[in-house]
């Protein structure tokens, strides 16, 4: 599967990718378009359009962190879901070597439990560290997510390094509430 890295909003495929992003994630888990466009140029950020030949399969948005890769968003085009495209894309990504970390919704309903099972089937494991993802937009608060890693679980020091990277790098563009406002 080919990964086409999008580095500017005018790159071919960005509009398709951003539309899939908006369809696939709840609004509280999305950057506003101008913020998404702004982060494209960050050297550690990879906004990959997943393709098989001429077919646009999905998106994989990830960060090259210090000793790990952080999957921020991953989605397969709706018409291709359930056809093993997601498993294939992630297996290839995981096989590249560096440890991988991603966050999922707590498994509290059938959809989130199925999603967790999907990741576990690929070898990711859940970690026990309580985790709140910072808000992407001013109108939302941070939200609880479960941290999964590959290969194997992480100790508290590894988790803290990831949490610091998430706060200081991945979410560095987040809007800040003004005190007293």
N, C-alpha and C. Protein backbone atom coordinates (compact mmCIF):
# COMPACT_ATOMS: atom_id res chain seq x y z
N UNK A 1 0.85 -1.17 0.00
CA UNK A 1 0.00 0.00 0.00
C UNK A 1 0.90 1.23 0.00
N UNK A 2 0.57 2.19 -0.82
CA UNK A 2 1.37 3.41 -0.92
C UNK A 2 0.89 4.45 0.08
N UNK A 3 1.85 5.13 0.71
CA UNK A 3 1.57 6.24 1.61
C UNK A 3 2.02 7.51 0.88
N UNK A 4 1.09 8.37 0.56
CA UNK A 4 1.41 9.63 -0.09
C UNK A 4 1.34 10.72 0.98
N UNK A 5 2.49 11.28 1.31
CA UNK A 5 2.55 12.29 2.37
C UNK A 5 2.05 13.64 1.85
N UNK A 6 1.05 14.17 2.54
CA UNK A 6 0.49 15.48 2.22
C UNK A 6 1.22 16.50 3.09
N UNK A 7 1.86 17.49 2.45
CA UNK A 7 2.60 18.48 3.23
C UNK A 7 2.06 19.90 3.07
N UNK A 8 1.04 20.05 2.20
CA UNK A 8 0.43 21.36 2.01
C UNK A 8 -1.04 21.17 1.62
N UNK A 9 -1.89 22.12 1.97
CA UNK A 9 -3.32 21.96 1.67
C UNK A 9 -3.62 21.89 0.18
N UNK A 10 -2.73 22.37 -0.67
CA UNK A 10 -2.95 22.30 -2.11
C UNK A 10 -2.51 21.00 -2.74
N UNK A 11 -1.91 20.09 -1.95
CA UNK A 11 -1.45 18.82 -2.50
C UNK A 11 -2.63 17.99 -2.98
N UNK A 12 -2.45 17.27 -4.11
CA UNK A 12 -3.53 16.39 -4.59
C UNK A 12 -3.93 15.39 -3.50
N UNK A 13 -5.20 15.26 -3.30
CA UNK A 13 -5.72 14.31 -2.32
C UNK A 13 -6.03 14.91 -0.97
N UNK A 14 -5.56 16.14 -0.68
CA UNK A 14 -5.82 16.69 0.65
C UNK A 14 -7.31 16.90 0.90
N UNK A 15 -8.04 17.45 -0.06
CA UNK A 15 -9.48 17.69 0.15
C UNK A 15 -10.21 16.38 0.41
N UNK A 16 -9.89 15.33 -0.35
CA UNK A 16 -10.52 14.02 -0.15
C UNK A 16 -10.18 13.51 1.25
N UNK A 17 -8.91 13.61 1.63
CA UNK A 17 -8.47 13.14 2.94
C UNK A 17 -9.17 13.92 4.05
N UNK A 18 -9.27 15.23 3.92
CA UNK A 18 -9.90 16.02 4.97
C UNK A 18 -11.39 15.70 5.08
N UNK A 19 -12.05 15.46 3.95
CA UNK A 19 -13.46 15.05 3.99
C UNK A 19 -13.62 13.72 4.74
N UNK A 20 -12.73 12.77 4.48
CA UNK A 20 -12.78 11.48 5.19
C UNK A 20 -12.54 11.69 6.69
N UNK A 21 -11.62 12.55 7.02
CA UNK A 21 -11.31 12.91 8.41
C UNK A 21 -12.57 13.43 9.11
N UNK A 22 -13.27 14.36 8.47
CA UNK A 22 -14.48 14.93 9.07
C UNK A 22 -15.60 13.90 9.21
N UNK A 23 -15.70 12.98 8.27
CA UNK A 23 -16.73 11.94 8.33
C UNK A 23 -16.43 10.88 9.39
N UNK A 24 -15.15 10.65 9.64
CA UNK A 24 -14.74 9.49 10.44
C UNK A 24 -14.54 9.76 11.92
N UNK A 25 -14.40 11.01 12.32
CA UNK A 25 -14.12 11.32 13.72
C UNK A 25 -15.12 12.33 14.26
N UNK A 26 -15.49 12.18 15.53
CA UNK A 26 -16.39 13.17 16.12
C UNK A 26 -15.72 14.54 16.13
N UNK A 27 -16.50 15.59 16.08
CA UNK A 27 -15.97 16.94 15.97
C UNK A 27 -15.00 17.28 17.10
N UNK A 28 -15.22 16.74 18.29
CA UNK A 28 -14.30 17.05 19.40
C UNK A 28 -12.93 16.40 19.23
N UNK A 29 -12.77 15.51 18.25
CA UNK A 29 -11.49 14.87 17.96
C UNK A 29 -10.86 15.39 16.67
N UNK A 30 -11.33 16.54 16.19
CA UNK A 30 -10.84 17.10 14.94
C UNK A 30 -10.24 18.48 15.14
N UNK A 31 -9.16 18.73 14.41
CA UNK A 31 -8.66 20.10 14.30
C UNK A 31 -9.56 20.84 13.31
N UNK A 32 -9.73 22.13 13.54
CA UNK A 32 -10.37 22.97 12.53
C UNK A 32 -9.50 22.91 11.27
N UNK A 33 -10.10 23.10 10.12
CA UNK A 33 -9.37 22.97 8.86
C UNK A 33 -8.10 23.84 8.85
N UNK A 34 -8.19 25.09 9.28
CA UNK A 34 -7.01 25.95 9.23
C UNK A 34 -5.90 25.45 10.15
N UNK A 35 -6.26 24.83 11.26
CA UNK A 35 -5.25 24.26 12.15
C UNK A 35 -4.65 22.99 11.53
N UNK A 36 -5.50 22.19 10.88
CA UNK A 36 -5.00 20.99 10.20
C UNK A 36 -4.05 21.40 9.07
N UNK A 37 -4.42 22.41 8.33
CA UNK A 37 -3.54 22.89 7.26
C UNK A 37 -2.22 23.39 7.84
N UNK A 38 -2.27 24.06 8.98
CA UNK A 38 -1.07 24.61 9.59
C UNK A 38 -0.10 23.55 10.09
N UNK A 39 -0.62 22.44 10.57
CA UNK A 39 0.25 21.40 11.14
C UNK A 39 0.91 20.55 10.04
N UNK A 40 0.41 20.63 8.82
CA UNK A 40 0.95 19.81 7.73
C UNK A 40 2.45 20.02 7.53
N UNK A 41 2.93 21.23 7.75
CA UNK A 41 4.33 21.52 7.53
C UNK A 41 5.26 21.13 8.67
N UNK A 42 4.73 20.64 9.77
CA UNK A 42 5.58 20.25 10.91
C UNK A 42 6.45 19.06 10.47
N UNK A 43 7.75 19.12 10.70
CA UNK A 43 8.63 18.05 10.21
C UNK A 43 8.37 16.67 10.82
N UNK A 44 7.77 16.61 12.01
CA UNK A 44 7.51 15.31 12.64
C UNK A 44 6.12 14.77 12.31
N UNK A 45 5.31 15.56 11.63
CA UNK A 45 3.94 15.16 11.33
C UNK A 45 3.85 14.52 9.95
N UNK A 46 3.15 13.42 9.90
CA UNK A 46 2.93 12.71 8.64
C UNK A 46 1.43 12.59 8.41
N UNK A 47 0.96 13.26 7.38
CA UNK A 47 -0.44 13.17 6.98
C UNK A 47 -0.45 12.35 5.70
N UNK A 48 -0.69 11.05 5.84
CA UNK A 48 -0.56 10.12 4.73
C UNK A 48 -1.90 9.75 4.13
N UNK A 49 -1.99 9.91 2.83
CA UNK A 49 -3.11 9.41 2.04
C UNK A 49 -2.74 7.99 1.66
N UNK A 50 -3.56 7.02 2.04
CA UNK A 50 -3.30 5.61 1.75
C UNK A 50 -3.93 5.26 0.42
N UNK A 51 -3.14 4.71 -0.49
CA UNK A 51 -3.64 4.37 -1.82
C UNK A 51 -3.20 2.97 -2.22
N UNK A 52 -4.03 2.35 -3.01
CA UNK A 52 -3.68 1.09 -3.66
C UNK A 52 -3.94 1.32 -5.14
N UNK A 53 -2.87 1.51 -5.89
CA UNK A 53 -3.03 1.89 -7.29
C UNK A 53 -3.72 3.25 -7.35
N UNK A 54 -4.79 3.33 -8.10
CA UNK A 54 -5.55 4.58 -8.23
C UNK A 54 -6.62 4.74 -7.15
N UNK A 55 -6.79 3.71 -6.32
CA UNK A 55 -7.84 3.73 -5.30
C UNK A 55 -7.36 4.43 -4.04
N UNK A 56 -8.10 5.43 -3.61
CA UNK A 56 -7.83 6.09 -2.33
C UNK A 56 -8.48 5.26 -1.24
N UNK A 57 -7.66 4.69 -0.39
CA UNK A 57 -8.11 3.72 0.61
C UNK A 57 -8.45 4.39 1.94
N UNK A 58 -7.62 5.33 2.38
CA UNK A 58 -7.85 5.92 3.69
C UNK A 58 -6.80 6.94 4.06
N UNK A 59 -6.72 7.20 5.37
CA UNK A 59 -5.77 8.17 5.88
C UNK A 59 -5.07 7.59 7.10
N UNK A 60 -3.83 8.00 7.28
CA UNK A 60 -3.04 7.66 8.46
C UNK A 60 -2.26 8.91 8.83
N UNK A 61 -2.65 9.53 9.93
CA UNK A 61 -2.01 10.75 10.41
C UNK A 61 -1.22 10.39 11.66
N UNK A 62 0.10 10.60 11.60
CA UNK A 62 0.94 10.16 12.70
C UNK A 62 2.12 11.10 12.89
N UNK A 63 2.71 10.99 14.09
CA UNK A 63 3.83 11.83 14.50
C UNK A 63 5.05 10.96 14.78
N UNK A 64 6.22 11.40 14.30
CA UNK A 64 7.49 10.72 14.58
C UNK A 64 8.04 11.29 15.88
N UNK A 65 7.65 10.66 16.98
CA UNK A 65 8.06 11.12 18.30
C UNK A 65 9.44 10.61 18.68
N UNK A 66 9.89 10.93 19.88
CA UNK A 66 11.21 10.50 20.35
C UNK A 66 11.21 9.01 20.73
N UNK A 67 11.56 8.16 19.77
CA UNK A 67 11.63 6.73 20.02
C UNK A 67 10.31 6.00 19.83
N UNK A 68 9.31 6.66 19.28
CA UNK A 68 8.02 6.02 19.01
C UNK A 68 7.31 6.78 17.90
N UNK A 69 6.30 6.13 17.33
CA UNK A 69 5.41 6.79 16.38
C UNK A 69 4.02 6.85 17.00
N UNK A 70 3.43 8.03 16.99
CA UNK A 70 2.12 8.27 17.59
C UNK A 70 1.07 8.38 16.48
N UNK A 71 0.18 7.39 16.40
CA UNK A 71 -0.92 7.45 15.43
C UNK A 71 -1.97 8.38 16.02
N UNK A 72 -2.18 9.50 15.34
CA UNK A 72 -3.18 10.46 15.81
C UNK A 72 -4.56 10.14 15.23
N UNK A 73 -4.63 9.85 13.94
CA UNK A 73 -5.90 9.51 13.29
C UNK A 73 -5.65 8.45 12.23
N UNK A 74 -6.58 7.51 12.14
CA UNK A 74 -6.51 6.44 11.15
C UNK A 74 -7.94 6.12 10.72
N UNK A 75 -8.19 6.09 9.43
CA UNK A 75 -9.54 5.77 8.93
C UNK A 75 -9.45 5.20 7.53
N UNK A 76 -10.37 4.33 7.24
CA UNK A 76 -10.52 3.73 5.92
C UNK A 76 -11.80 4.31 5.30
N UNK A 77 -11.77 4.52 3.99
CA UNK A 77 -12.95 5.04 3.28
C UNK A 77 -14.15 4.14 3.58
N UNK A 78 -15.32 4.73 3.85
CA UNK A 78 -16.50 3.94 4.25
C UNK A 78 -16.83 2.78 3.30
N UNK A 79 -16.71 2.99 2.00
CA UNK A 79 -17.08 1.94 1.05
C UNK A 79 -16.07 0.78 1.04
N UNK A 80 -14.91 0.95 1.69
CA UNK A 80 -13.89 -0.10 1.73
C UNK A 80 -13.77 -0.77 3.10
N UNK A 81 -14.52 -0.31 4.08
CA UNK A 81 -14.44 -0.90 5.41
C UNK A 81 -14.97 -2.33 5.39
N UNK A 82 -14.41 -3.16 6.26
CA UNK A 82 -14.83 -4.55 6.34
C UNK A 82 -14.20 -5.43 5.27
N UNK A 83 -13.22 -4.90 4.54
CA UNK A 83 -12.56 -5.65 3.47
C UNK A 83 -11.07 -5.86 3.75
N UNK A 84 -10.66 -5.71 5.01
CA UNK A 84 -9.29 -5.93 5.48
C UNK A 84 -8.29 -4.85 5.09
N UNK A 85 -8.74 -3.73 4.53
CA UNK A 85 -7.82 -2.65 4.19
C UNK A 85 -7.17 -2.06 5.45
N UNK A 86 -7.95 -1.90 6.50
CA UNK A 86 -7.42 -1.34 7.73
C UNK A 86 -6.37 -2.25 8.36
N UNK A 87 -6.66 -3.53 8.42
CA UNK A 87 -5.69 -4.49 8.97
C UNK A 87 -4.40 -4.46 8.17
N UNK A 88 -4.53 -4.46 6.86
CA UNK A 88 -3.34 -4.46 6.01
C UNK A 88 -2.51 -3.19 6.23
N UNK A 89 -3.17 -2.04 6.23
CA UNK A 89 -2.46 -0.77 6.40
C UNK A 89 -1.72 -0.73 7.73
N UNK A 90 -2.38 -1.13 8.81
CA UNK A 90 -1.73 -1.08 10.12
C UNK A 90 -0.66 -2.15 10.29
N UNK A 91 -0.88 -3.34 9.74
CA UNK A 91 0.17 -4.36 9.81
C UNK A 91 1.45 -3.86 9.15
N UNK A 92 1.31 -3.25 7.98
CA UNK A 92 2.48 -2.72 7.28
C UNK A 92 3.15 -1.62 8.12
N UNK A 93 2.35 -0.75 8.72
CA UNK A 93 2.88 0.34 9.53
C UNK A 93 3.60 -0.21 10.76
N UNK A 94 3.00 -1.16 11.44
CA UNK A 94 3.60 -1.75 12.64
C UNK A 94 4.89 -2.49 12.31
N UNK A 95 4.97 -3.07 11.12
CA UNK A 95 6.15 -3.84 10.72
C UNK A 95 7.36 -2.96 10.43
N UNK A 96 7.17 -1.66 10.36
CA UNK A 96 8.27 -0.76 10.02
C UNK A 96 9.29 -0.62 11.15
N UNK A 97 8.96 -1.04 12.35
CA UNK A 97 9.97 -1.12 13.39
C UNK A 97 9.76 -0.33 14.65
N UNK A 98 9.68 1.00 14.58
CA UNK A 98 9.59 1.79 15.80
C UNK A 98 8.35 1.44 16.60
N UNK A 99 8.43 1.52 17.94
CA UNK A 99 7.24 1.32 18.75
C UNK A 99 6.13 2.29 18.33
N UNK A 100 4.90 1.86 18.49
CA UNK A 100 3.73 2.64 18.08
C UNK A 100 2.81 2.82 19.28
N UNK A 101 2.25 4.03 19.38
CA UNK A 101 1.26 4.34 20.41
C UNK A 101 0.06 4.97 19.72
N UNK A 102 -1.11 4.61 20.18
CA UNK A 102 -2.34 5.25 19.70
C UNK A 102 -3.35 5.28 20.82
N UNK A 103 -4.35 6.13 20.66
CA UNK A 103 -5.39 6.29 21.67
C UNK A 103 -6.73 5.87 21.09
N UNK A 104 -7.53 5.21 21.91
CA UNK A 104 -8.87 4.80 21.48
C UNK A 104 -9.88 5.22 22.54
N UNK A 105 -11.14 5.27 22.12
CA UNK A 105 -12.21 5.50 23.08
C UNK A 105 -12.25 4.33 24.06
N UNK A 106 -12.55 4.59 25.32
CA UNK A 106 -12.70 3.49 26.28
C UNK A 106 -13.75 2.50 25.75
N UNK A 107 -13.50 1.21 25.91
CA UNK A 107 -14.42 0.20 25.37
C UNK A 107 -15.71 0.08 26.20
N UNK A 108 -16.62 1.00 25.96
CA UNK A 108 -17.84 1.08 26.77
C UNK A 108 -19.11 0.72 26.00
N UNK A 109 -19.01 0.50 24.71
CA UNK A 109 -20.17 0.14 23.90
C UNK A 109 -19.71 -0.85 22.83
N UNK A 110 -20.64 -1.45 22.10
CA UNK A 110 -20.23 -2.46 21.11
C UNK A 110 -19.23 -1.96 20.06
N UNK A 111 -19.39 -0.74 19.58
CA UNK A 111 -18.48 -0.22 18.55
C UNK A 111 -17.07 -0.03 19.12
N UNK A 112 -16.96 0.59 20.30
CA UNK A 112 -15.63 0.82 20.88
C UNK A 112 -14.98 -0.50 21.32
N UNK A 113 -15.77 -1.47 21.75
CA UNK A 113 -15.21 -2.78 22.11
C UNK A 113 -14.69 -3.50 20.85
N UNK A 114 -15.44 -3.40 19.75
CA UNK A 114 -15.00 -3.99 18.48
C UNK A 114 -13.70 -3.33 18.00
N UNK A 115 -13.64 -2.02 18.12
CA UNK A 115 -12.44 -1.28 17.70
C UNK A 115 -11.23 -1.72 18.53
N UNK A 116 -11.42 -1.85 19.84
CA UNK A 116 -10.31 -2.31 20.69
C UNK A 116 -9.88 -3.72 20.28
N UNK A 117 -10.84 -4.58 20.01
CA UNK A 117 -10.53 -5.94 19.57
C UNK A 117 -9.76 -5.96 18.25
N UNK A 118 -10.10 -5.03 17.35
CA UNK A 118 -9.39 -4.91 16.09
C UNK A 118 -7.91 -4.62 16.35
N UNK A 119 -7.63 -3.64 17.20
CA UNK A 119 -6.25 -3.28 17.51
C UNK A 119 -5.53 -4.41 18.26
N UNK A 120 -6.22 -5.06 19.18
CA UNK A 120 -5.60 -6.17 19.90
C UNK A 120 -5.25 -7.30 18.93
N UNK A 121 -6.10 -7.53 17.93
CA UNK A 121 -5.83 -8.55 16.93
C UNK A 121 -4.58 -8.27 16.12
N UNK A 122 -4.16 -7.02 16.09
CA UNK A 122 -2.93 -6.64 15.37
C UNK A 122 -1.72 -6.62 16.30
N UNK A 123 -1.94 -6.93 17.58
CA UNK A 123 -0.83 -7.01 18.52
C UNK A 123 -0.66 -5.83 19.45
N UNK A 124 -1.52 -4.82 19.35
CA UNK A 124 -1.43 -3.70 20.28
C UNK A 124 -1.99 -4.12 21.63
N UNK A 125 -1.44 -3.52 22.69
CA UNK A 125 -1.91 -3.85 24.03
C UNK A 125 -2.34 -2.58 24.75
N UNK A 126 -3.30 -2.75 25.63
CA UNK A 126 -3.83 -1.65 26.42
C UNK A 126 -2.89 -1.37 27.59
N UNK A 127 -2.79 -0.11 27.97
CA UNK A 127 -1.96 0.31 29.09
C UNK A 127 -2.84 0.84 30.20
N UNK A 128 -2.40 0.71 31.47
CA UNK A 128 -3.26 1.06 32.60
C UNK A 128 -3.27 2.54 32.98
N UNK A 129 -2.53 3.39 32.27
CA UNK A 129 -2.36 4.78 32.70
C UNK A 129 -3.60 5.60 32.40
N UNK A 130 -4.20 6.24 33.42
CA UNK A 130 -5.34 7.13 33.16
C UNK A 130 -4.88 8.23 32.19
N UNK A 131 -5.68 8.50 31.18
CA UNK A 131 -5.22 9.39 30.10
C UNK A 131 -6.34 10.32 29.64
N UNK A 132 -6.04 11.61 29.63
CA UNK A 132 -6.98 12.61 29.11
C UNK A 132 -6.31 13.29 27.93
N UNK A 133 -6.94 13.19 26.77
CA UNK A 133 -6.42 13.86 25.57
C UNK A 133 -6.81 15.33 25.63
N UNK A 134 -5.86 16.25 25.41
CA UNK A 134 -6.19 17.68 25.42
C UNK A 134 -7.23 18.01 24.34
N UNK A 135 -8.01 19.05 24.54
CA UNK A 135 -9.05 19.41 23.56
C UNK A 135 -8.46 19.98 22.27
N UNK A 136 -9.08 19.63 21.16
CA UNK A 136 -8.70 20.18 19.86
C UNK A 136 -9.34 21.55 19.61
N UNK A 137 -10.45 21.81 20.28
CA UNK A 137 -11.20 23.04 20.04
C UNK A 137 -11.60 23.67 21.38
N UNK A 138 -11.71 25.00 21.38
CA UNK A 138 -12.04 25.73 22.61
C UNK A 138 -13.34 25.30 23.26
N UNK A 139 -14.33 24.94 22.45
CA UNK A 139 -15.64 24.64 23.01
C UNK A 139 -15.71 23.27 23.69
N UNK A 140 -14.60 22.52 23.67
CA UNK A 140 -14.59 21.20 24.28
C UNK A 140 -13.55 21.11 25.39
N UNK A 141 -13.77 20.16 26.28
CA UNK A 141 -12.79 19.84 27.31
C UNK A 141 -11.99 18.64 26.83
N UNK A 142 -10.93 18.32 27.57
CA UNK A 142 -10.19 17.10 27.26
C UNK A 142 -11.09 15.89 27.43
N UNK A 143 -10.74 14.79 26.80
CA UNK A 143 -11.59 13.59 26.89
C UNK A 143 -10.73 12.36 27.20
N UNK A 144 -11.32 11.48 27.99
CA UNK A 144 -10.63 10.27 28.41
C UNK A 144 -10.48 9.31 27.23
N UNK A 145 -9.28 8.81 27.06
CA UNK A 145 -8.99 7.80 26.04
C UNK A 145 -8.13 6.71 26.67
N UNK A 146 -8.09 5.58 26.02
CA UNK A 146 -7.25 4.47 26.46
C UNK A 146 -6.02 4.44 25.55
N UNK A 147 -4.85 4.26 26.14
CA UNK A 147 -3.59 4.23 25.39
C UNK A 147 -3.23 2.79 25.06
N UNK A 148 -2.99 2.54 23.77
CA UNK A 148 -2.55 1.21 23.32
C UNK A 148 -1.18 1.35 22.67
N UNK A 149 -0.35 0.32 22.85
CA UNK A 149 1.01 0.37 22.34
C UNK A 149 1.41 -0.94 21.67
N UNK A 150 2.43 -0.82 20.82
CA UNK A 150 2.99 -1.96 20.10
C UNK A 150 4.49 -1.76 19.98
N UNK A 151 5.31 -2.74 20.19
CA UNK A 151 4.95 -4.06 20.71
C UNK A 151 4.95 -4.03 22.24
N UNK A 152 4.01 -4.66 22.81
CA UNK A 152 3.94 -4.75 24.26
C UNK A 152 3.50 -3.48 24.96
N UNK A 153 3.32 -3.60 26.27
CA UNK A 153 2.90 -2.47 27.08
C UNK A 153 4.07 -1.57 27.44
N UNK A 154 3.75 -0.41 27.93
CA UNK A 154 4.76 0.58 28.33
C UNK A 154 4.77 0.74 29.83
N UNK A 155 5.96 1.09 30.34
CA UNK A 155 6.04 1.43 31.76
C UNK A 155 5.63 2.89 31.93
N UNK A 156 5.55 3.32 33.17
CA UNK A 156 5.05 4.67 33.44
C UNK A 156 5.94 5.75 32.83
N UNK A 157 7.25 5.52 32.82
CA UNK A 157 8.16 6.50 32.22
C UNK A 157 7.93 6.66 30.72
N UNK A 158 7.71 5.56 30.02
CA UNK A 158 7.41 5.63 28.59
C UNK A 158 6.09 6.35 28.36
N UNK A 159 5.09 6.02 29.18
CA UNK A 159 3.81 6.70 29.04
C UNK A 159 3.97 8.21 29.26
N UNK A 160 4.69 8.59 30.30
CA UNK A 160 4.87 10.02 30.60
C UNK A 160 5.60 10.75 29.46
N UNK A 161 6.57 10.09 28.84
CA UNK A 161 7.26 10.68 27.70
C UNK A 161 6.28 10.93 26.55
N UNK A 162 5.41 9.95 26.30
CA UNK A 162 4.38 10.12 25.27
C UNK A 162 3.42 11.25 25.64
N UNK A 163 2.94 11.27 26.88
CA UNK A 163 1.98 12.30 27.31
C UNK A 163 2.58 13.69 27.18
N UNK A 164 3.84 13.83 27.52
CA UNK A 164 4.52 15.12 27.39
C UNK A 164 4.64 15.52 25.90
N UNK A 165 5.00 14.56 25.06
CA UNK A 165 5.10 14.82 23.61
C UNK A 165 3.73 15.22 23.05
N UNK A 166 2.69 14.51 23.46
CA UNK A 166 1.34 14.83 23.02
C UNK A 166 0.99 16.27 23.40
N UNK A 167 1.25 16.64 24.63
CA UNK A 167 0.91 17.97 25.12
C UNK A 167 1.77 19.06 24.47
N UNK A 168 3.06 18.84 24.39
CA UNK A 168 3.98 19.90 23.96
C UNK A 168 4.19 19.98 22.44
N UNK A 169 3.98 18.88 21.72
CA UNK A 169 4.25 18.87 20.28
C UNK A 169 2.98 18.64 19.47
N UNK A 170 2.33 17.49 19.68
CA UNK A 170 1.14 17.15 18.88
C UNK A 170 0.06 18.19 19.06
N UNK A 171 -0.16 18.63 20.29
CA UNK A 171 -1.24 19.56 20.57
C UNK A 171 -0.75 21.00 20.78
N UNK A 172 0.46 21.30 20.34
CA UNK A 172 1.02 22.64 20.52
C UNK A 172 0.19 23.71 19.82
N UNK A 173 -0.57 23.33 18.79
CA UNK A 173 -1.37 24.29 18.03
C UNK A 173 -2.77 24.50 18.62
N UNK A 174 -3.09 23.81 19.72
CA UNK A 174 -4.45 23.89 20.24
C UNK A 174 -4.75 25.32 20.73
N UNK A 175 -5.98 25.70 20.60
CA UNK A 175 -6.38 27.03 21.09
C UNK A 175 -6.33 27.05 22.62
N UNK A 176 -5.98 28.16 23.17
CA UNK A 176 -5.89 28.32 24.62
C UNK A 176 -7.03 29.20 25.12
N UNK A 177 -7.63 28.75 26.21
CA UNK A 177 -8.65 29.58 26.85
C UNK A 177 -7.98 30.72 27.57
N UNK A 178 -8.57 31.88 27.49
CA UNK A 178 -8.03 33.06 28.17
C UNK A 178 -8.54 33.05 29.60
N UNK A 179 -7.64 33.24 30.56
CA UNK A 179 -8.02 33.24 31.97
C UNK A 179 -9.07 34.34 32.21
N UNK A 180 -10.10 33.99 32.93
CA UNK A 180 -11.15 34.93 33.28
C UNK A 180 -12.17 35.16 32.18
N UNK A 181 -11.99 34.50 31.05
CA UNK A 181 -12.93 34.68 29.93
C UNK A 181 -14.09 33.73 30.02
